[in-house]
Amino acid sequence: MYERKENDNQALIHAILPRENAYVRKLPISGGRKFKKGMIEGGKTEEQVIASNINTAFIVIGLDNNFEIRRVERFMTLVYNSGIEPVIILNKVDLCFKVEEYINQIKEVADKVPVYSVSAGKNVNMDVFFKYLTCGKTVIFLGSSGVGKSTITNFLVGDRKQKTQSISTSTGKGKHTTTNSELIFLQTGGIIIDTPGVRELQLWGDEEVLDQSFEEIKQLSYDCKFNNCQHQEEPGCAIQKAINDQRLSQSRLNSFKKQLAELQKLNTRIRDFKKKSNKK
């Protein structure tokens, strides 16, 4: 809520409304930074708010040697923790000959999430965005550097508002372009939040968020013989049985355990830090 001064470019903010939701991650570790004594090793253990009040999060994956299913899983965990509806976009479909294979991999880890294959550069299937960008709706584009988020934004805006760069000849991947988040209004009344590509995707949230991003593992665990089953060599482990029956991959379970350990460590550090702060 703000009041604009007459004949002036300045405005007076009266109140900031509470967020409906927010896309957050753990504050990345900045290389070469020195931290004061008393700060947690490896940087501050605190959240970094990227954007808020979002209806849909587009997780953009480039099909030019950029596909990595474990990275998709990490994005899914962050989006679910933020309370935002995820949609997966496979961009640069014109450069890939095994699109169905990638879609099948995604369906194995995110069966209920919409998946679209598009090409922003060749205008392939780009109309899928407009049903999400209706009046009053806000979307955010997430993804690694060079996956084509800015190219998609340019197409939707109708001009070259966001700078783009060519593919790197040494790596075969897109180059980093966007350097800060930007709010872009469309003629449809929809709003785009374009974000910089991430190199360091650190999780933030409670362990319970994995019940959504690894829903099939959660459901299988209900059938384990022991409530405290670690899903290793315990008798009656339903998850190990699912792996033996090829209904679940070992790599999927390993990814779950890695994320769980990361979130448990994160929340232990947060609790310890709060205890130290309360004693002061």
Protein backbone atom coordinates (compact mmCIF):
# COMPACT_ATOMS: atom_id res chain seq x y z
CA MET A 1 0.00 0.00 0.00
CA TYR A 2 1.55 3.28 -1.06
CA GLU A 3 0.78 6.90 -1.76
CA ARG A 4 2.27 8.61 -4.81
CA LYS A 5 3.22 12.23 -4.42
CA GLU A 6 1.74 14.61 -6.96
CA ASN A 7 4.18 15.78 -9.67
CA ASP A 8 6.92 13.63 -8.14
CA ASN A 9 8.51 10.33 -9.02
CA GLN A 10 8.69 9.34 -5.38
CA ALA A 11 6.06 7.46 -3.36
CA LEU A 12 5.39 6.88 0.35
CA ILE A 13 4.94 3.26 1.48
CA HIS A 14 2.30 2.96 4.20
CA ALA A 15 2.23 -0.81 4.70
CA ILE A 16 3.64 -4.04 3.30
CA LEU A 17 1.05 -6.78 2.91
CA PRO A 18 1.96 -10.29 4.16
CA ARG A 19 3.19 -12.79 1.58
CA GLU A 20 0.84 -15.50 0.37
CA ASN A 21 3.87 -17.67 -0.38
CA ALA A 22 7.53 -17.30 -1.23
CA TYR A 23 10.10 -19.23 -3.21
CA VAL A 24 13.08 -19.59 -0.89
CA ARG A 25 16.35 -21.49 -0.75
CA LYS A 26 19.27 -21.65 1.66
CA LEU A 27 21.51 -18.62 1.34
CA PRO A 28 24.28 -19.75 -1.03
CA ILE A 29 27.89 -19.85 0.08
CA SER A 30 29.81 -17.09 -1.68
CA GLY A 31 33.29 -18.16 -2.68
CA GLY A 32 36.08 -16.23 -1.03
CA ARG A 33 33.86 -14.50 1.55
CA LYS A 34 35.18 -14.17 5.08
CA PHE A 35 32.73 -14.58 7.94
CA LYS A 36 32.89 -13.03 11.37
CA LYS A 37 33.66 -15.11 14.44
CA GLY A 38 30.53 -16.83 15.73
CA MET A 39 28.94 -17.33 12.33
CA ILE A 40 28.26 -20.89 11.27
CA GLU A 41 31.01 -22.46 9.20
CA GLY A 42 30.20 -22.31 5.50
CA GLY A 43 28.16 -19.12 5.70
CA LYS A 44 24.96 -18.07 7.40
CA THR A 45 22.27 -20.68 7.91
CA GLU A 46 19.35 -18.58 6.77
CA GLU A 47 16.82 -18.50 4.01
CA GLN A 48 17.08 -16.41 0.87
CA VAL A 49 13.74 -15.21 -0.50
CA ILE A 50 13.88 -15.14 -4.30
CA ALA A 51 10.28 -14.08 -5.03
CA SER A 52 6.83 -14.14 -3.44
CA ASN A 53 3.10 -14.29 -4.20
CA ILE A 54 3.51 -16.77 -7.05
CA ASN A 55 0.84 -18.94 -8.67
CA THR A 56 3.00 -21.21 -10.84
CA ALA A 57 6.68 -22.12 -10.87
CA PHE A 58 8.04 -23.15 -14.27
CA ILE A 59 11.07 -25.40 -13.79
CA VAL A 60 12.89 -24.96 -17.10
CA ILE A 61 15.28 -27.64 -18.33
CA GLY A 62 17.37 -27.28 -21.47
CA LEU A 63 17.53 -30.33 -23.72
CA ASP A 64 20.97 -29.35 -25.05
CA ASN A 65 22.98 -31.59 -22.68
CA ASN A 66 21.45 -29.86 -19.64
CA PHE A 67 19.07 -32.59 -18.47
CA GLU A 68 19.79 -33.91 -14.96
CA ILE A 69 16.95 -35.70 -13.16
CA ARG A 70 18.51 -35.30 -9.69
CA ARG A 71 18.53 -31.51 -10.19
CA VAL A 72 14.86 -31.64 -11.17
CA GLU A 73 14.16 -33.41 -7.87
CA ARG A 74 15.89 -30.64 -5.91
CA PHE A 75 13.90 -27.95 -7.69
CA MET A 76 10.72 -29.91 -6.94
CA THR A 77 11.53 -30.02 -3.22
CA LEU A 78 12.13 -26.26 -3.10
CA VAL A 79 8.95 -25.47 -5.04
CA TYR A 80 6.79 -27.75 -2.89
CA ASN A 81 8.30 -26.24 0.26
CA SER A 82 7.32 -22.80 -1.05
CA GLY A 83 3.68 -23.79 -1.50
CA ILE A 84 3.69 -23.12 -5.26
CA GLU A 85 2.29 -25.27 -8.06
CA PRO A 86 5.15 -26.68 -10.21
CA VAL A 87 5.18 -27.13 -13.98
CA ILE A 88 8.16 -28.67 -15.80
CA ILE A 89 9.25 -27.17 -19.13
CA LEU A 90 11.62 -29.06 -21.43
CA ASN A 91 13.01 -26.31 -23.64
CA LYS A 92 15.01 -26.57 -26.89
CA VAL A 93 13.07 -29.60 -28.06
CA ASP A 94 14.35 -28.91 -31.57
CA LEU A 95 17.86 -29.86 -30.42
CA CYS A 96 16.92 -33.22 -28.91
CA PHE A 97 16.04 -36.60 -30.40
CA LYS A 98 15.02 -38.42 -27.20
CA VAL A 99 12.38 -36.15 -25.72
CA GLU A 100 10.05 -39.04 -24.79
CA GLU A 101 12.86 -40.68 -22.83
CA TYR A 102 13.32 -37.53 -20.76
CA ILE A 103 9.57 -37.14 -20.22
CA ASN A 104 9.41 -40.72 -18.96
CA GLN A 105 12.25 -40.04 -16.51
CA ILE A 106 10.37 -37.04 -15.15
CA LYS A 107 7.11 -38.98 -14.87
CA GLU A 108 8.95 -41.54 -12.72
CA VAL A 109 9.79 -38.86 -10.13
CA ALA A 110 6.94 -36.34 -10.62
CA ASP A 111 4.00 -38.22 -12.07
CA LYS A 112 1.38 -35.62 -11.06
CA VAL A 113 3.30 -32.58 -12.37
CA PRO A 114 2.46 -31.19 -15.85
CA VAL A 115 5.36 -31.57 -18.32
CA TYR A 116 5.59 -29.66 -21.61
CA SER A 117 8.24 -29.85 -24.32
CA VAL A 118 8.76 -26.54 -26.13
CA SER A 119 11.23 -24.57 -28.21
CA ALA A 120 11.29 -20.85 -27.52
CA GLY A 121 13.76 -20.30 -30.35
CA LYS A 122 11.63 -22.16 -32.94
CA ASN A 123 8.18 -21.28 -31.54
CA VAL A 124 7.21 -24.88 -30.83
CA ASN A 125 4.30 -25.48 -28.43
CA MET A 126 4.75 -22.03 -26.85
CA ASP A 127 1.01 -21.49 -26.44
CA VAL A 128 1.09 -23.71 -23.32
CA PHE A 129 2.25 -20.73 -21.24
CA PHE A 130 -0.77 -18.55 -21.88
CA LYS A 131 -3.22 -20.64 -19.87
CA TYR A 132 -1.04 -19.93 -16.82
CA LEU A 133 -0.46 -16.25 -17.62
CA THR A 134 -4.03 -15.03 -17.33
CA CYS A 135 -4.97 -11.72 -15.73
CA GLY A 136 -3.73 -11.40 -12.16
CA LYS A 137 -1.59 -14.57 -12.23
CA THR A 138 2.12 -14.53 -11.47
CA VAL A 139 4.62 -17.13 -12.66
CA ILE A 140 8.30 -17.60 -11.96
CA PHE A 141 10.92 -19.17 -14.23
CA LEU A 142 13.48 -21.34 -12.45
CA GLY A 143 16.41 -23.24 -13.88
CA SER A 144 20.13 -23.44 -14.45
CA SER A 145 22.03 -20.85 -16.41
CA GLY A 146 21.45 -21.02 -20.15
CA VAL A 147 18.32 -23.20 -20.21
CA GLY A 148 16.43 -20.51 -22.13
CA LYS A 149 14.40 -18.68 -19.50
CA SER A 150 15.16 -15.27 -21.03
CA THR A 151 14.37 -16.53 -24.55
CA ILE A 152 11.00 -17.78 -23.32
CA THR A 153 10.37 -14.43 -21.64
CA ASN A 154 11.23 -12.56 -24.85
CA PHE A 155 8.74 -14.66 -26.78
CA LEU A 156 5.96 -14.05 -24.27
CA VAL A 157 6.67 -10.32 -24.01
CA GLY A 158 6.98 -9.95 -27.76
CA ASP A 159 10.37 -8.24 -27.87
CA ARG A 160 13.97 -8.73 -26.80
CA LYS A 161 13.48 -7.36 -23.30
CA GLN A 162 15.78 -9.93 -21.73
CA LYS A 163 19.29 -10.36 -23.14
CA THR A 164 20.21 -13.80 -24.45
CA GLN A 165 23.52 -15.39 -25.32
CA SER A 166 24.58 -18.05 -27.75
CA ILE A 167 25.45 -21.64 -26.90
CA SER A 168 28.97 -22.19 -25.58
CA THR A 169 31.09 -24.01 -28.16
CA SER A 170 33.25 -25.57 -25.42
CA THR A 171 30.50 -27.05 -23.24
CA GLY A 172 27.55 -27.22 -25.62
CA LYS A 173 25.41 -25.47 -23.02
CA GLY A 174 23.74 -22.09 -22.81
CA LYS A 175 25.58 -19.23 -21.14
CA HIS A 176 24.48 -17.32 -18.04
CA THR A 177 22.49 -14.20 -18.99
CA THR A 178 20.05 -12.87 -16.38
CA THR A 179 21.87 -11.42 -13.37
CA ASN A 180 18.95 -10.35 -11.17
CA SER A 181 15.26 -11.13 -10.70
CA GLU A 182 12.88 -8.93 -12.67
CA LEU A 183 9.10 -8.40 -12.61
CA ILE A 184 7.66 -8.23 -16.14
CA PHE A 185 4.04 -7.33 -16.91
CA LEU A 186 2.32 -8.83 -19.96
CA GLN A 187 -0.54 -7.47 -22.02
CA THR A 188 -2.64 -10.45 -20.87
CA GLY A 189 -2.50 -9.08 -17.32
CA GLY A 190 -0.17 -11.88 -16.25
CA ILE A 191 3.16 -11.28 -14.55
CA ILE A 192 6.50 -13.02 -15.12
CA ILE A 193 9.33 -13.20 -12.60
CA ASP A 194 12.53 -14.03 -14.46
CA THR A 195 15.33 -15.19 -12.17
CA PRO A 196 19.08 -15.66 -12.65
CA GLY A 197 20.26 -19.16 -13.44
CA VAL A 198 21.42 -21.01 -10.34
CA ARG A 199 24.73 -22.79 -9.99
CA GLU A 200 24.29 -23.68 -6.32
CA LEU A 201 20.89 -25.18 -5.46
CA GLN A 202 20.79 -25.50 -1.68
CA LEU A 203 17.66 -26.86 -0.02
CA TRP A 204 15.56 -25.10 2.59
CA GLY A 205 12.60 -26.49 4.50
CA ASP A 206 11.48 -29.20 6.92
CA GLU A 207 11.98 -32.88 6.26
CA GLU A 208 8.22 -33.29 5.80
CA VAL A 209 8.38 -31.51 2.44
CA LEU A 210 9.92 -34.70 1.02
CA ASP A 211 6.53 -36.36 1.50
CA GLN A 212 5.49 -34.41 -1.61
CA SER A 213 8.63 -34.50 -3.74
CA PHE A 214 9.17 -38.21 -2.96
CA GLU A 215 5.55 -39.20 -2.50
CA GLU A 216 5.93 -42.79 -3.75
CA ILE A 217 8.69 -43.50 -1.21
CA LYS A 218 6.52 -42.09 1.57
CA GLN A 219 3.61 -44.32 0.52
CA LEU A 220 5.83 -47.40 0.32
CA SER A 221 7.24 -46.74 3.79
CA TYR A 222 3.80 -47.28 5.33
CA ASP A 223 4.11 -50.96 4.38
CA CYS A 224 7.50 -51.45 6.04
CA LYS A 225 7.47 -53.97 8.91
CA PHE A 226 9.15 -51.54 11.34
CA ASN A 227 8.14 -47.91 11.91
CA ASN A 228 11.78 -46.86 12.24
CA CYS A 229 12.92 -48.74 9.12
CA GLN A 230 16.02 -47.18 7.54
CA HIS A 231 15.26 -48.87 4.20
CA GLN A 232 18.55 -50.71 4.07
CA GLU A 233 18.68 -54.40 5.05
CA GLU A 234 15.86 -54.54 7.58
CA PRO A 235 13.48 -57.52 7.19
CA GLY A 236 10.10 -56.56 5.77
CA CYS A 237 11.31 -53.32 4.14
CA ALA A 238 8.71 -52.43 1.51
CA ILE A 239 11.04 -49.98 -0.20
CA GLN A 240 13.82 -52.53 -0.72
CA LYS A 241 11.19 -54.95 -2.03
CA ALA A 242 10.03 -52.29 -4.52
CA ILE A 243 13.64 -51.90 -5.69
CA ASN A 244 14.05 -55.65 -6.11
CA ASP A 245 10.77 -55.73 -8.05
CA GLN A 246 12.01 -52.80 -10.21
CA ARG A 247 9.10 -50.62 -9.13
CA LEU A 248 11.55 -48.11 -7.62
CA SER A 249 15.12 -47.30 -8.65
CA GLN A 250 18.05 -47.36 -6.24
CA SER A 251 19.13 -43.94 -7.55
CA ARG A 252 15.74 -42.49 -6.60
CA LEU A 253 16.08 -43.85 -3.05
CA ASN A 254 19.66 -42.53 -2.83
CA SER A 255 18.44 -39.08 -3.88
CA PHE A 256 15.74 -39.17 -1.20
CA LYS A 257 18.26 -40.13 1.48
CA LYS A 258 20.67 -37.41 0.36
CA GLN A 259 18.00 -34.71 0.51
CA LEU A 260 16.71 -36.02 3.86
CA ALA A 261 20.21 -35.92 5.38
CA GLU A 262 20.75 -32.40 4.01
CA LEU A 263 17.48 -31.10 5.48
CA GLN A 264 18.09 -32.82 8.82
CA LYS A 265 21.55 -31.26 9.05
CA LEU A 266 20.13 -27.87 8.07
CA ASN A 267 17.42 -27.93 10.73
CA THR A 268 19.83 -29.17 13.40
CA ARG A 269 22.07 -26.18 12.65
CA ILE A 270 19.10 -23.82 12.79
CA ARG A 271 17.97 -25.20 16.17
CA ASP A 272 21.51 -25.03 17.58
CA PHE A 273 21.91 -21.47 16.34
CA LYS A 274 18.60 -20.41 17.96
CA LYS A 275 19.62 -22.00 21.26
CA LYS A 276 22.91 -20.08 21.25
CA SER A 277 21.09 -16.85 20.39
CA ASN A 278 18.56 -17.31 23.21
CA LYS A 279 21.35 -17.79 25.77
CA LYS A 280 22.90 -14.42 24.94
